[in-house]
Amino acid sequence: MSTDFETFFSAYRDLRLSAFDNMKLIAAVLADAAEPYECVEADLHDEDNPQLQQAGYFVRWQEMWLFCGVSNDYHAQITLFTQIERINRASIKVKVVPIMTMQQISFMCVESAHFDHC
């Protein structure tokens, strides 16, 4: 399954977008490929202190969790999330994400690259 992740998202692995923009990008790529998915927000337990939690954005696809970043992250990388036990299952909220065309995704990435260098 991780090879599917690499196949679909290798072109975007070096991008650093906001967590929500990463979620929009993943949704666009999967929608364009007619792949079923679900966008969610969920609390993550901190690895060092399980009492601390931080909200994060995920896309559930196939049997994988794709991590888009914590909700306030503006420079996150899309990763395959394997520490499922860190997710507070009771906190999961489905998010409705606008489906962008691949051309709109290209523009979003260009805008982000331009903003990062200004």
PDB file of N, CA and C in Angstrom:
ATOM      1  N   MET A   1       0.802  -1.203   0.000  1.00  0.00           N
ATOM      2  CA  MET A   1       0.000   0.000   0.000  1.00  0.00           C
ATOM      3  C   MET A   1       0.843   1.263   0.000  1.00  0.00           C
ATOM      4  N   SER A   2       1.981   1.242   0.675  1.00  0.00           N
ATOM      5  CA  SER A   2       2.799   2.448   0.688  1.00  0.00           C
ATOM      6  C   SER A   2       3.313   2.763  -0.712  1.00  0.00           C
ATOM      7  N   THR A   3       3.397   1.752  -1.579  1.00  0.00           N
ATOM      8  CA  THR A   3       3.798   2.033  -2.953  1.00  0.00           C
ATOM      9  C   THR A   3       2.720   2.845  -3.655  1.00  0.00           C
ATOM     10  N   ASP A   4       1.441   2.598  -3.314  1.00  0.00           N
ATOM     11  CA  ASP A   4       0.365   3.429  -3.857  1.00  0.00           C
ATOM     12  C   ASP A   4       0.554   4.875  -3.409  1.00  0.00           C
ATOM     13  N   PHE A   5       0.936   5.061  -2.159  1.00  0.00           N
ATOM     14  CA  PHE A   5       1.191   6.400  -1.637  1.00  0.00           C
ATOM     15  C   PHE A   5       2.295   7.073  -2.457  1.00  0.00           C
ATOM     16  N   GLU A   6       3.375   6.352  -2.689  1.00  0.00           N
ATOM     17  CA  GLU A   6       4.489   6.901  -3.472  1.00  0.00           C
ATOM     18  C   GLU A   6       4.053   7.207  -4.898  1.00  0.00           C
ATOM     19  N   THR A   7       3.265   6.326  -5.490  1.00  0.00           N
ATOM     20  CA  THR A   7       2.805   6.520  -6.865  1.00  0.00           C
ATOM     21  C   THR A   7       1.973   7.790  -6.991  1.00  0.00           C
ATOM     22  N   PHE A   8       1.030   7.981  -6.076  1.00  0.00           N
ATOM     23  CA  PHE A   8       0.124   9.119  -6.155  1.00  0.00           C
ATOM     24  C   PHE A   8       0.774  10.437  -5.729  1.00  0.00           C
ATOM     25  N   PHE A   9       1.674  10.401  -4.749  1.00  0.00           N
ATOM     26  CA  PHE A   9       2.111  11.646  -4.119  1.00  0.00           C
ATOM     27  C   PHE A   9       3.604  11.951  -4.231  1.00  0.00           C
ATOM     28  N   SER A  10       4.342  11.181  -5.006  1.00  0.00           N
ATOM     29  CA  SER A  10       5.785  11.447  -5.113  1.00  0.00           C
ATOM     30  C   SER A  10       6.072  12.840  -5.675  1.00  0.00           C
ATOM     31  N   ALA A  11       5.235  13.323  -6.562  1.00  0.00           N
ATOM     32  CA  ALA A  11       5.448  14.654  -7.149  1.00  0.00           C
ATOM     33  C   ALA A  11       5.243  15.775  -6.136  1.00  0.00           C
ATOM     34  N   TYR A  12       4.570  15.476  -5.028  1.00  0.00           N
ATOM     35  CA  TYR A  12       4.232  16.507  -4.042  1.00  0.00           C
ATOM     36  C   TYR A  12       4.994  16.358  -2.730  1.00  0.00           C
ATOM     37  N   ARG A  13       5.894  15.392  -2.639  1.00  0.00           N
ATOM     38  CA  ARG A  13       6.584  15.102  -1.371  1.00  0.00           C
ATOM     39  C   ARG A  13       7.486  16.234  -0.900  1.00  0.00           C
ATOM     40  N   ASP A  14       8.013  17.027  -1.815  1.00  0.00           N
ATOM     41  CA  ASP A  14       8.920  18.109  -1.424  1.00  0.00           C
ATOM     42  C   ASP A  14       8.195  19.422  -1.137  1.00  0.00           C
ATOM     43  N   LEU A  15       6.889  19.455  -1.399  1.00  0.00           N
ATOM     44  CA  LEU A  15       6.119  20.675  -1.140  1.00  0.00           C
ATOM     45  C   LEU A  15       5.927  20.883   0.354  1.00  0.00           C
ATOM     46  N   ARG A  16       5.872  22.130   0.748  1.00  0.00           N
ATOM     47  CA  ARG A  16       5.560  22.496   2.129  1.00  0.00           C
ATOM     48  C   ARG A  16       4.428  23.506   2.060  1.00  0.00           C
ATOM     49  N   LEU A  17       3.224  23.037   2.331  1.00  0.00           N
ATOM     50  CA  LEU A  17       2.032  23.881   2.308  1.00  0.00           C
ATOM     51  C   LEU A  17       1.421  23.912   3.691  1.00  0.00           C
ATOM     52  N   SER A  18       0.381  24.718   3.853  1.00  0.00           N
ATOM     53  CA  SER A  18      -0.342  24.679   5.119  1.00  0.00           C
ATOM     54  C   SER A  18      -1.006  23.310   5.234  1.00  0.00           C
ATOM     55  N   ALA A  19      -1.316  22.902   6.449  1.00  0.00           N
ATOM     56  CA  ALA A  19      -1.944  21.600   6.670  1.00  0.00           C
ATOM     57  C   ALA A  19      -3.259  21.488   5.905  1.00  0.00           C
ATOM     58  N   PHE A  20      -4.069  22.553   5.917  1.00  0.00           N
ATOM     59  CA  PHE A  20      -5.343  22.504   5.210  1.00  0.00           C
ATOM     60  C   PHE A  20      -5.129  22.462   3.698  1.00  0.00           C
ATOM     61  N   ASP A  21      -4.134  23.195   3.185  1.00  0.00           N
ATOM     62  CA  ASP A  21      -3.828  23.134   1.753  1.00  0.00           C
ATOM     63  C   ASP A  21      -3.344  21.736   1.357  1.00  0.00           C
ATOM     64  N   ASN A  22      -2.573  21.099   2.230  1.00  0.00           N
ATOM     65  CA  ASN A  22      -2.159  19.718   1.968  1.00  0.00           C
ATOM     66  C   ASN A  22      -3.381  18.810   1.857  1.00  0.00           C
ATOM     67  N   MET A  23      -4.365  19.029   2.721  1.00  0.00           N
ATOM     68  CA  MET A  23      -5.574  18.221   2.680  1.00  0.00           C
ATOM     69  C   MET A  23      -6.328  18.460   1.366  1.00  0.00           C
ATOM     70  N   LYS A  24      -6.387  19.719   0.917  1.00  0.00           N
ATOM     71  CA  LYS A  24      -7.033  20.035  -0.359  1.00  0.00           C
ATOM     72  C   LYS A  24      -6.273  19.391  -1.521  1.00  0.00           C
ATOM     73  N   LEU A  25      -4.955  19.404  -1.465  1.00  0.00           N
ATOM     74  CA  LEU A  25      -4.145  18.793  -2.513  1.00  0.00           C
ATOM     75  C   LEU A  25      -4.410  17.294  -2.588  1.00  0.00           C
ATOM     76  N   ILE A  26      -4.392  16.614  -1.458  1.00  0.00           N
ATOM     77  CA  ILE A  26      -4.638  15.168  -1.432  1.00  0.00           C
ATOM     78  C   ILE A  26      -6.031  14.861  -1.957  1.00  0.00           C
ATOM     79  N   ALA A  27      -7.013  15.637  -1.518  1.00  0.00           N
ATOM     80  CA  ALA A  27      -8.392  15.428  -1.983  1.00  0.00           C
ATOM     81  C   ALA A  27      -8.475  15.594  -3.496  1.00  0.00           C
ATOM     82  N   ALA A  28      -7.800  16.586  -4.052  1.00  0.00           N
ATOM     83  CA  ALA A  28      -7.828  16.822  -5.499  1.00  0.00           C
ATOM     84  C   ALA A  28      -7.193  15.670  -6.260  1.00  0.00           C
ATOM     85  N   VAL A  29      -6.039  15.211  -5.785  1.00  0.00           N
ATOM     86  CA  VAL A  29      -5.339  14.108  -6.460  1.00  0.00           C
ATOM     87  C   VAL A  29      -6.196  12.846  -6.432  1.00  0.00           C
ATOM     88  N   LEU A  30      -6.771  12.527  -5.270  1.00  0.00           N
ATOM     89  CA  LEU A  30      -7.573  11.313  -5.155  1.00  0.00           C
ATOM     90  C   LEU A  30      -8.894  11.426  -5.908  1.00  0.00           C
ATOM     91  N   ALA A  31      -9.507  12.605  -5.885  1.00  0.00           N
ATOM     92  CA  ALA A  31     -10.749  12.804  -6.641  1.00  0.00           C
ATOM     93  C   ALA A  31     -10.480  12.686  -8.135  1.00  0.00           C
ATOM     94  N   ASP A  32      -9.357  13.240  -8.589  1.00  0.00           N
ATOM     95  CA  ASP A  32      -8.988  13.161 -10.000  1.00  0.00           C
ATOM     96  C   ASP A  32      -8.786  11.712 -10.440  1.00  0.00           C
ATOM     97  N   ALA A  33      -8.334  10.860  -9.523  1.00  0.00           N
ATOM     98  CA  ALA A  33      -8.108   9.445  -9.821  1.00  0.00           C
ATOM     99  C   ALA A  33      -9.333   8.590  -9.482  1.00  0.00           C
ATOM    100  N   ALA A  34     -10.435   9.236  -9.075  1.00  0.00           N
ATOM    101  CA  ALA A  34     -11.675   8.545  -8.690  1.00  0.00           C
ATOM    102  C   ALA A  34     -11.443   7.543  -7.559  1.00  0.00           C
ATOM    103  N   GLU A  35     -10.585   7.929  -6.624  1.00  0.00           N
ATOM    104  CA  GLU A  35     -10.287   7.105  -5.445  1.00  0.00           C
ATOM    105  C   GLU A  35     -11.149   7.572  -4.276  1.00  0.00           C
ATOM    106  N   PRO A  36     -11.774   6.666  -3.543  1.00  0.00           N
ATOM    107  CA  PRO A  36     -12.543   7.073  -2.360  1.00  0.00           C
ATOM    108  C   PRO A  36     -11.608   7.463  -1.207  1.00  0.00           C
ATOM    109  N   TYR A  37     -11.989   8.482  -0.457  1.00  0.00           N
ATOM    110  CA  TYR A  37     -11.180   8.978   0.659  1.00  0.00           C
ATOM    111  C   TYR A  37     -12.097   9.713   1.624  1.00  0.00           C
ATOM    112  N   GLU A  38     -11.545  10.071   2.785  1.00  0.00           N
ATOM    113  CA  GLU A  38     -12.284  10.867   3.766  1.00  0.00           C
ATOM    114  C   GLU A  38     -11.309  11.826   4.445  1.00  0.00           C
ATOM    115  N   CYS A  39     -11.648  13.101   4.470  1.00  0.00           N
ATOM    116  CA  CYS A  39     -10.834  14.115   5.147  1.00  0.00           C
ATOM    117  C   CYS A  39     -11.338  14.260   6.577  1.00  0.00           C
ATOM    118  N   VAL A  40     -10.412  14.265   7.529  1.00  0.00           N
ATOM    119  CA  VAL A  40     -10.799  14.371   8.934  1.00  0.00           C
ATOM    120  C   VAL A  40      -9.833  15.267   9.702  1.00  0.00           C
ATOM    121  N   GLU A  41     -10.338  15.771  10.812  1.00  0.00           N
ATOM    122  CA  GLU A  41      -9.511  16.454  11.800  1.00  0.00           C
ATOM    123  C   GLU A  41      -9.585  15.607  13.057  1.00  0.00           C
ATOM    124  N   ALA A  42      -8.460  15.420  13.720  1.00  0.00           N
ATOM    125  CA  ALA A  42      -8.432  14.602  14.930  1.00  0.00           C
ATOM    126  C   ALA A  42      -7.327  15.085  15.853  1.00  0.00           C
ATOM    127  N   ASP A  43      -7.516  14.841  17.130  1.00  0.00           N
ATOM    128  CA  ASP A  43      -6.493  15.189  18.112  1.00  0.00           C
ATOM    129  C   ASP A  43      -5.424  14.106  18.147  1.00  0.00           C
ATOM    130  N   LEU A  44      -4.178  14.555  18.239  1.00  0.00           N
ATOM    131  CA  LEU A  44      -3.024  13.667  18.339  1.00  0.00           C
ATOM    132  C   LEU A  44      -2.430  13.767  19.729  1.00  0.00           C
ATOM    133  N   HIS A  45      -2.137  12.634  20.320  1.00  0.00           N
ATOM    134  CA  HIS A  45      -1.422  12.629  21.596  1.00  0.00           C
ATOM    135  C   HIS A  45       0.049  12.910  21.316  1.00  0.00           C
ATOM    136  N   ASP A  46       0.653  13.758  22.131  1.00  0.00           N
ATOM    137  CA  ASP A  46       2.073  14.055  22.017  1.00  0.00           C
ATOM    138  C   ASP A  46       2.868  12.792  22.364  1.00  0.00           C
ATOM    139  N   GLU A  47       3.913  12.514  21.598  1.00  0.00           N
ATOM    140  CA  GLU A  47       4.731  11.316  21.831  1.00  0.00           C
ATOM    141  C   GLU A  47       5.391  11.330  23.207  1.00  0.00           C
ATOM    142  N   ASP A  48       5.870  12.499  23.634  1.00  0.00           N
ATOM    143  CA  ASP A  48       6.586  12.596  24.902  1.00  0.00           C
ATOM    144  C   ASP A  48       5.666  12.778  26.093  1.00  0.00           C
ATOM    145  N   ASN A  49       4.522  13.409  25.886  1.00  0.00           N
ATOM    146  CA  ASN A  49       3.576  13.652  26.974  1.00  0.00           C
ATOM    147  C   ASN A  49       2.164  13.321  26.493  1.00  0.00           C
ATOM    148  N   PRO A  50       1.670  12.108  26.765  1.00  0.00           N
ATOM    149  CA  PRO A  50       0.352  11.684  26.267  1.00  0.00           C
ATOM    150  C   PRO A  50      -0.808  12.554  26.754  1.00  0.00           C
ATOM    151  N   GLN A  51      -0.592  13.371  27.777  1.00  0.00           N
ATOM    152  CA  GLN A  51      -1.651  14.258  28.265  1.00  0.00           C
ATOM    153  C   GLN A  51      -1.879  15.436  27.309  1.00  0.00           C
ATOM    154  N   LEU A  52      -0.844  15.795  26.558  1.00  0.00           N
ATOM    155  CA  LEU A  52      -0.966  16.899  25.597  1.00  0.00           C
ATOM    156  C   LEU A  52      -1.542  16.387  24.292  1.00  0.00           C
ATOM    157  N   GLN A  53      -2.438  17.178  23.718  1.00  0.00           N
ATOM    158  CA  GLN A  53      -3.024  16.825  22.431  1.00  0.00           C
ATOM    159  C   GLN A  53      -2.955  18.025  21.503  1.00  0.00           C
ATOM    160  N   GLN A  54      -2.841  17.738  20.225  1.00  0.00           N
ATOM    161  CA  GLN A  54      -2.781  18.786  19.211  1.00  0.00           C
ATOM    162  C   GLN A  54      -3.653  18.335  18.042  1.00  0.00           C
ATOM    163  N   ALA A  55      -4.465  19.245  17.512  1.00  0.00           N
ATOM    164  CA  ALA A  55      -5.341  18.908  16.389  1.00  0.00           C
ATOM    165  C   ALA A  55      -4.533  18.778  15.113  1.00  0.00           C
ATOM    166  N   GLY A  56      -4.847  17.767  14.329  1.00  0.00           N
ATOM    167  CA  GLY A  56      -4.172  17.553  13.061  1.00  0.00           C
ATOM    168  C   GLY A  56      -5.169  17.212  11.971  1.00  0.00           C
ATOM    169  N   TYR A  57      -4.747  17.418  10.732  1.00  0.00           N
ATOM    170  CA  TYR A  57      -5.566  17.074   9.571  1.00  0.00           C
ATOM    171  C   TYR A  57      -5.035  15.793   8.943  1.00  0.00           C
ATOM    172  N   PHE A  58      -5.961  14.923   8.575  1.00  0.00           N
ATOM    173  CA  PHE A  58      -5.638  13.636   7.960  1.00  0.00           C
ATOM    174  C   PHE A  58      -6.564  13.384   6.784  1.00  0.00           C
ATOM    175  N   VAL A  59      -6.102  12.525   5.887  1.00  0.00           N
ATOM    176  CA  VAL A  59      -6.975  11.971   4.860  1.00  0.00           C
ATOM    177  C   VAL A  59      -6.874  10.454   5.002  1.00  0.00           C
ATOM    178  N   ARG A  60      -8.031   9.835   5.212  1.00  0.00           N
ATOM    179  CA  ARG A  60      -8.075   8.374   5.267  1.00  0.00           C
ATOM    180  C   ARG A  60      -8.338   7.869   3.850  1.00  0.00           C
ATOM    181  N   TRP A  61      -7.411   7.038   3.384  1.00  0.00           N
ATOM    182  CA  TRP A  61      -7.481   6.540   2.018  1.00  0.00           C
ATOM    183  C   TRP A  61      -7.018   5.092   2.026  1.00  0.00           C
ATOM    184  N   GLN A  62      -7.800   4.242   1.365  1.00  0.00           N
ATOM    185  CA  GLN A  62      -7.579   2.801   1.434  1.00  0.00           C
ATOM    186  C   GLN A  62      -7.540   2.458   2.920  1.00  0.00           C
ATOM    187  N   GLU A  63      -6.502   1.856   3.404  1.00  0.00           N
ATOM    188  CA  GLU A  63      -6.402   1.599   4.844  1.00  0.00           C
ATOM    189  C   GLU A  63      -5.265   2.418   5.450  1.00  0.00           C
ATOM    190  N   MET A  64      -4.967   3.536   4.804  1.00  0.00           N
ATOM    191  CA  MET A  64      -3.871   4.395   5.250  1.00  0.00           C
ATOM    192  C   MET A  64      -4.396   5.704   5.804  1.00  0.00           C
ATOM    193  N   TRP A  65      -3.576   6.310   6.651  1.00  0.00           N
ATOM    194  CA  TRP A  65      -3.825   7.658   7.165  1.00  0.00           C
ATOM    195  C   TRP A  65      -2.725   8.546   6.600  1.00  0.00           C
ATOM    196  N   LEU A  66      -3.109   9.536   5.814  1.00  0.00           N
ATOM    197  CA  LEU A  66      -2.152  10.492   5.274  1.00  0.00           C
ATOM    198  C   LEU A  66      -2.194  11.728   6.154  1.00  0.00           C
ATOM    199  N   PHE A  67      -1.054  12.093   6.704  1.00  0.00           N
ATOM    200  CA  PHE A  67      -0.972  13.217   7.631  1.00  0.00           C
ATOM    201  C   PHE A  67      -0.665  14.481   6.851  1.00  0.00           C
ATOM    202  N   CYS A  68      -1.516  15.485   7.033  1.00  0.00           N
ATOM    203  CA  CYS A  68      -1.378  16.762   6.323  1.00  0.00           C
ATOM    204  C   CYS A  68      -0.656  17.805   7.162  1.00  0.00           C
ATOM    205  N   GLY A  69      -0.595  17.592   8.465  1.00  0.00           N
ATOM    206  CA  GLY A  69       0.045  18.524   9.380  1.00  0.00           C
ATOM    207  C   GLY A  69      -0.893  18.889  10.517  1.00  0.00           C
ATOM    208  N   VAL A  70      -0.334  19.510  11.551  1.00  0.00           N
ATOM    209  CA  VAL A  70      -1.180  19.991  12.643  1.00  0.00           C
ATOM    210  C   VAL A  70      -1.962  21.193  12.141  1.00  0.00           C
ATOM    211  N   SER A  71      -3.104  21.438  12.741  1.00  0.00           N
ATOM    212  CA  SER A  71      -4.059  22.400  12.180  1.00  0.00           C
ATOM    213  C   SER A  71      -3.508  23.815  12.015  1.00  0.00           C
ATOM    214  N   ASN A  72      -2.530  24.213  12.813  1.00  0.00           N
ATOM    215  CA  ASN A  72      -1.990  25.568  12.679  1.00  0.00           C
ATOM    216  C   ASN A  72      -0.664  25.602  11.915  1.00  0.00           C
ATOM    217  N   ASP A  73      -0.304  24.503  11.276  1.00  0.00           N
ATOM    218  CA  ASP A  73       0.962  24.442  10.538  1.00  0.00           C
ATOM    219  C   ASP A  73       0.805  25.085   9.164  1.00  0.00           C
ATOM    220  N   TYR A  74       1.722  25.961   8.819  1.00  0.00           N
ATOM    221  CA  TYR A  74       1.673  26.633   7.520  1.00  0.00           C
ATOM    222  C   TYR A  74       2.780  26.145   6.591  1.00  0.00           C
ATOM    223  N   HIS A  75       3.586  25.179   7.042  1.00  0.00           N
ATOM    224  CA  HIS A  75       4.735  24.718   6.259  1.00  0.00           C
ATOM    225  C   HIS A  75       4.936  23.228   6.510  1.00  0.00           C
ATOM    226  N   ALA A  76       3.911  22.430   6.178  1.00  0.00           N
ATOM    227  CA  ALA A  76       3.918  21.005   6.501  1.00  0.00           C
ATOM    228  C   ALA A  76       4.158  20.148   5.264  1.00  0.00           C
ATOM    229  N   GLN A  77       4.630  18.952   5.514  1.00  0.00           N
ATOM    230  CA  GLN A  77       4.868  17.974   4.456  1.00  0.00           C
ATOM    231  C   GLN A  77       3.813  16.878   4.565  1.00  0.00           C
ATOM    232  N   ILE A  78       3.371  16.363   3.440  1.00  0.00           N
ATOM    233  CA  ILE A  78       2.453  15.225   3.421  1.00  0.00           C
ATOM    234  C   ILE A  78       3.249  13.974   3.762  1.00  0.00           C
ATOM    235  N   THR A  79       2.764  13.216   4.749  1.00  0.00           N
ATOM    236  CA  THR A  79       3.449  11.988   5.135  1.00  0.00           C
ATOM    237  C   THR A  79       2.438  10.865   5.341  1.00  0.00           C
ATOM    238  N   LEU A  80       2.922   9.670   5.235  1.00  0.00           N
ATOM    239  CA  LEU A  80       2.143   8.493   5.538  1.00  0.00           C
ATOM    240  C   LEU A  80       2.226   8.307   7.052  1.00  0.00           C
ATOM    241  N   PHE A  81       1.083   8.356   7.741  1.00  0.00           N
ATOM    242  CA  PHE A  81       1.066   8.315   9.209  1.00  0.00           C
ATOM    243  C   PHE A  81       0.913   6.877   9.665  1.00  0.00           C
ATOM    244  N   THR A  82       1.853   6.400  10.441  1.00  0.00           N
ATOM    245  CA  THR A  82       1.837   5.005  10.878  1.00  0.00           C
ATOM    246  C   THR A  82       1.589   4.841  12.369  1.00  0.00           C
ATOM    247  N   GLN A  83       1.618   5.928  13.123  1.00  0.00           N
ATOM    248  CA  GLN A  83       1.418   5.846  14.578  1.00  0.00           C
ATOM    249  C   GLN A  83      -0.061   6.072  14.920  1.00  0.00           C
ATOM    250  N   ILE A  84      -0.905   5.204  14.403  1.00  0.00           N
ATOM    251  CA  ILE A  84      -2.351   5.342  14.533  1.00  0.00           C
ATOM    252  C   ILE A  84      -2.782   5.401  15.997  1.00  0.00           C
ATOM    253  N   GLU A  85      -2.054   4.752  16.868  1.00  0.00           N
ATOM    254  CA  GLU A  85      -2.401   4.744  18.296  1.00  0.00           C
ATOM    255  C   GLU A  85      -2.339   6.139  18.920  1.00  0.00           C
ATOM    256  N   ARG A  86      -1.660   7.074  18.289  1.00  0.00           N
ATOM    257  CA  ARG A  86      -1.583   8.453  18.798  1.00  0.00           C
ATOM    258  C   ARG A  86      -2.842   9.265  18.504  1.00  0.00           C
ATOM    259  N   ILE A  87      -3.716   8.753  17.644  1.00  0.00           N
ATOM    260  CA  ILE A  87      -4.931   9.478  17.269  1.00  0.00           C
ATOM    261  C   ILE A  87      -6.022   9.216  18.294  1.00  0.00           C
ATOM    262  N   ASN A  88      -6.591  10.289  18.807  1.00  0.00           N
ATOM    263  CA  ASN A  88      -7.730  10.182  19.729  1.00  0.00           C
ATOM    264  C   ASN A  88      -8.968   9.927  18.876  1.00  0.00           C
ATOM    265  N   ARG A  89      -9.402   8.682  18.816  1.00  0.00           N
ATOM    266  CA  ARG A  89     -10.511   8.285  17.930  1.00  0.00           C
ATOM    267  C   ARG A  89     -11.805   9.032  18.256  1.00  0.00           C
ATOM    268  N   ALA A  90     -12.011   9.376  19.520  1.00  0.00           N
ATOM    269  CA  ALA A  90     -13.241  10.078  19.926  1.00  0.00           C
ATOM    270  C   ALA A  90     -13.283  11.504  19.382  1.00  0.00           C
ATOM    271  N   SER A  91     -12.136  12.055  19.005  1.00  0.00           N
ATOM    272  CA  SER A  91     -12.078  13.444  18.551  1.00  0.00           C
ATOM    273  C   SER A  91     -12.239  13.594  17.033  1.00  0.00           C
ATOM    274  N   ILE A  92     -12.340  12.506  16.305  1.00  0.00           N
ATOM    275  CA  ILE A  92     -12.373  12.567  14.840  1.00  0.00           C
ATOM    276  C   ILE A  92     -13.621  13.303  14.353  1.00  0.00           C
ATOM    277  N   LYS A  93     -13.371  14.314  13.493  1.00  0.00           N
ATOM    278  CA  LYS A  93     -14.452  15.075  12.862  1.00  0.00           C
ATOM    279  C   LYS A  93     -14.216  15.068  11.359  1.00  0.00           C
ATOM    280  N   VAL A  94     -15.236  14.685  10.608  1.00  0.00           N
ATOM    281  CA  VAL A  94     -15.132  14.705   9.155  1.00  0.00           C
ATOM    282  C   VAL A  94     -15.125  16.154   8.688  1.00  0.00           C
ATOM    283  N   LYS A  95     -14.223  16.469   7.780  1.00  0.00           N
ATOM    284  CA  LYS A  95     -14.101  17.820   7.219  1.00  0.00           C
ATOM    285  C   LYS A  95     -14.548  17.801   5.756  1.00  0.00           C
ATOM    286  N   VAL A  96     -15.324  18.801   5.390  1.00  0.00           N
ATOM    287  CA  VAL A  96     -15.717  18.963   3.993  1.00  0.00           C
ATOM    288  C   VAL A  96     -14.677  19.873   3.343  1.00  0.00           C
ATOM    289  N   VAL A  97     -14.007  19.338   2.357  1.00  0.00           N
ATOM    290  CA  VAL A  97     -12.920  20.053   1.683  1.00  0.00           C
ATOM    291  C   VAL A  97     -13.351  20.341   0.246  1.00  0.00           C
ATOM    292  N   PRO A  98     -13.176  21.581  -0.205  1.00  0.00           N
ATOM    293  CA  PRO A  98     -13.526  21.873  -1.601  1.00  0.00           C
ATOM    294  C   PRO A  98     -12.621  21.082  -2.547  1.00  0.00           C
ATOM    295  N   ILE A  99     -13.233  20.475  -3.539  1.00  0.00           N
ATOM    296  CA  ILE A  99     -12.461  19.703  -4.518  1.00  0.00           C
ATOM    297  C   ILE A  99     -11.964  20.662  -5.599  1.00  0.00           C
ATOM    298  N   MET A 100     -10.667  20.781  -5.675  1.00  0.00           N
ATOM    299  CA  MET A 100     -10.037  21.667  -6.645  1.00  0.00           C
ATOM    300  C   MET A 100      -9.610  20.856  -7.868  1.00  0.00           C
ATOM    301  N   THR A 101      -9.545  21.531  -9.002  1.00  0.00           N
ATOM    302  CA  THR A 101      -9.003  20.880 -10.192  1.00  0.00           C
ATOM    303  C   THR A 101      -7.485  20.824 -10.047  1.00  0.00           C
ATOM    304  N   MET A 102      -6.858  20.002 -10.857  1.00  0.00           N
ATOM    305  CA  MET A 102      -5.404  19.914 -10.800  1.00  0.00           C
ATOM    306  C   MET A 102      -4.763  21.234 -11.245  1.00  0.00           C
ATOM    307  N   GLN A 103      -5.431  21.988 -12.104  1.00  0.00           N
ATOM    308  CA  GLN A 103      -4.911  23.298 -12.492  1.00  0.00           C
ATOM    309  C   GLN A 103      -4.948  24.250 -11.289  1.00  0.00           C
ATOM    310  N   GLN A 104      -6.029  24.209 -10.523  1.00  0.00           N
ATOM    311  CA  GLN A 104      -6.108  25.045  -9.325  1.00  0.00           C
ATOM    312  C   GLN A 104      -5.035  24.649  -8.312  1.00  0.00           C
ATOM    313  N   ILE A 105      -4.762  23.358  -8.209  1.00  0.00           N
ATOM    314  CA  ILE A 105      -3.696  22.886  -7.316  1.00  0.00           C
ATOM    315  C   ILE A 105      -2.353  23.458  -7.778  1.00  0.00           C
ATOM    316  N   SER A 106      -2.116  23.456  -9.069  1.00  0.00           N
ATOM    317  CA  SER A 106      -0.866  24.032  -9.596  1.00  0.00           C
ATOM    318  C   SER A 106      -0.737  25.495  -9.219  1.00  0.00           C
ATOM    319  N   PHE A 107      -1.823  26.250  -9.373  1.00  0.00           N
ATOM    320  CA  PHE A 107      -1.796  27.665  -9.003  1.00  0.00           C
ATOM    321  C   PHE A 107      -1.538  27.838  -7.508  1.00  0.00           C
ATOM    322  N   MET A 108      -2.174  26.989  -6.690  1.00  0.00           N
ATOM    323  CA  MET A 108      -1.991  27.071  -5.243  1.00  0.00           C
ATOM    324  C   MET A 108      -0.519  26.817  -4.882  1.00  0.00           C
ATOM    325  N   CYS A 109       0.090  25.854  -5.532  1.00  0.00           N
ATOM    326  CA  CYS A 109       1.500  25.550  -5.262  1.00  0.00           C
ATOM    327  C   CYS A 109       2.409  26.682  -5.708  1.00  0.00           C
ATOM    328  N   VAL A 110       2.110  27.305  -6.829  1.00  0.00           N
ATOM    329  CA  VAL A 110       2.905  28.446  -7.316  1.00  0.00           C
ATOM    330  C   VAL A 110       2.762  29.613  -6.350  1.00  0.00           C
ATOM    331  N   GLU A 111       1.540  29.886  -5.906  1.00  0.00           N
ATOM    332  CA  GLU A 111       1.322  30.973  -4.943  1.00  0.00           C
ATOM    333  C   GLU A 111       2.102  30.728  -3.661  1.00  0.00           C
ATOM    334  N   SER A 112       2.086  29.484  -3.201  1.00  0.00           N
ATOM    335  CA  SER A 112       2.801  29.151  -1.974  1.00  0.00           C
ATOM    336  C   SER A 112       4.299  29.335  -2.156  1.00  0.00           C
ATOM    337  N   ALA A 113       4.833  28.887  -3.283  1.00  0.00           N
ATOM    338  CA  ALA A 113       6.275  29.031  -3.555  1.00  0.00           C
ATOM    339  C   ALA A 113       6.660  30.492  -3.638  1.00  0.00           C
ATOM    340  N   HIS A 114       5.800  31.302  -4.264  1.00  0.00           N
ATOM    341  CA  HIS A 114       6.077  32.726  -4.370  1.00  0.00           C
ATOM    342  C   HIS A 114       6.056  33.394  -2.988  1.00  0.00           C
ATOM    343  N   PHE A 115       5.077  33.048  -2.173  1.00  0.00           N
ATOM    344  CA  PHE A 115       4.945  33.618  -0.832  1.00  0.00           C
ATOM    345  C   PHE A 115       6.161  33.250   0.020  1.00  0.00           C
ATOM    346  N   ASP A 116       6.632  32.017  -0.102  1.00  0.00           N
ATOM    347  CA  ASP A 116       7.775  31.563   0.696  1.00  0.00           C
ATOM    348  C   ASP A 116       9.053  32.306   0.354  1.00  0.00           C
ATOM    349  N   HIS A 117       9.147  32.832  -0.854  1.00  0.00           N
ATOM    350  CA  HIS A 117      10.384  33.502  -1.248  1.00  0.00           C
ATOM    351  C   HIS A 117      10.307  35.019  -1.196  1.00  0.00           C
ATOM    352  N   CYS A 118       9.177  35.554  -0.815  1.00  0.00           N
ATOM    353  CA  CYS A 118       9.038  37.014  -0.741  1.00  0.00           C
ATOM    354  C   CYS A 118       9.558  37.553   0.573  1.00  0.00           C
TER     355      CYS A 118
END
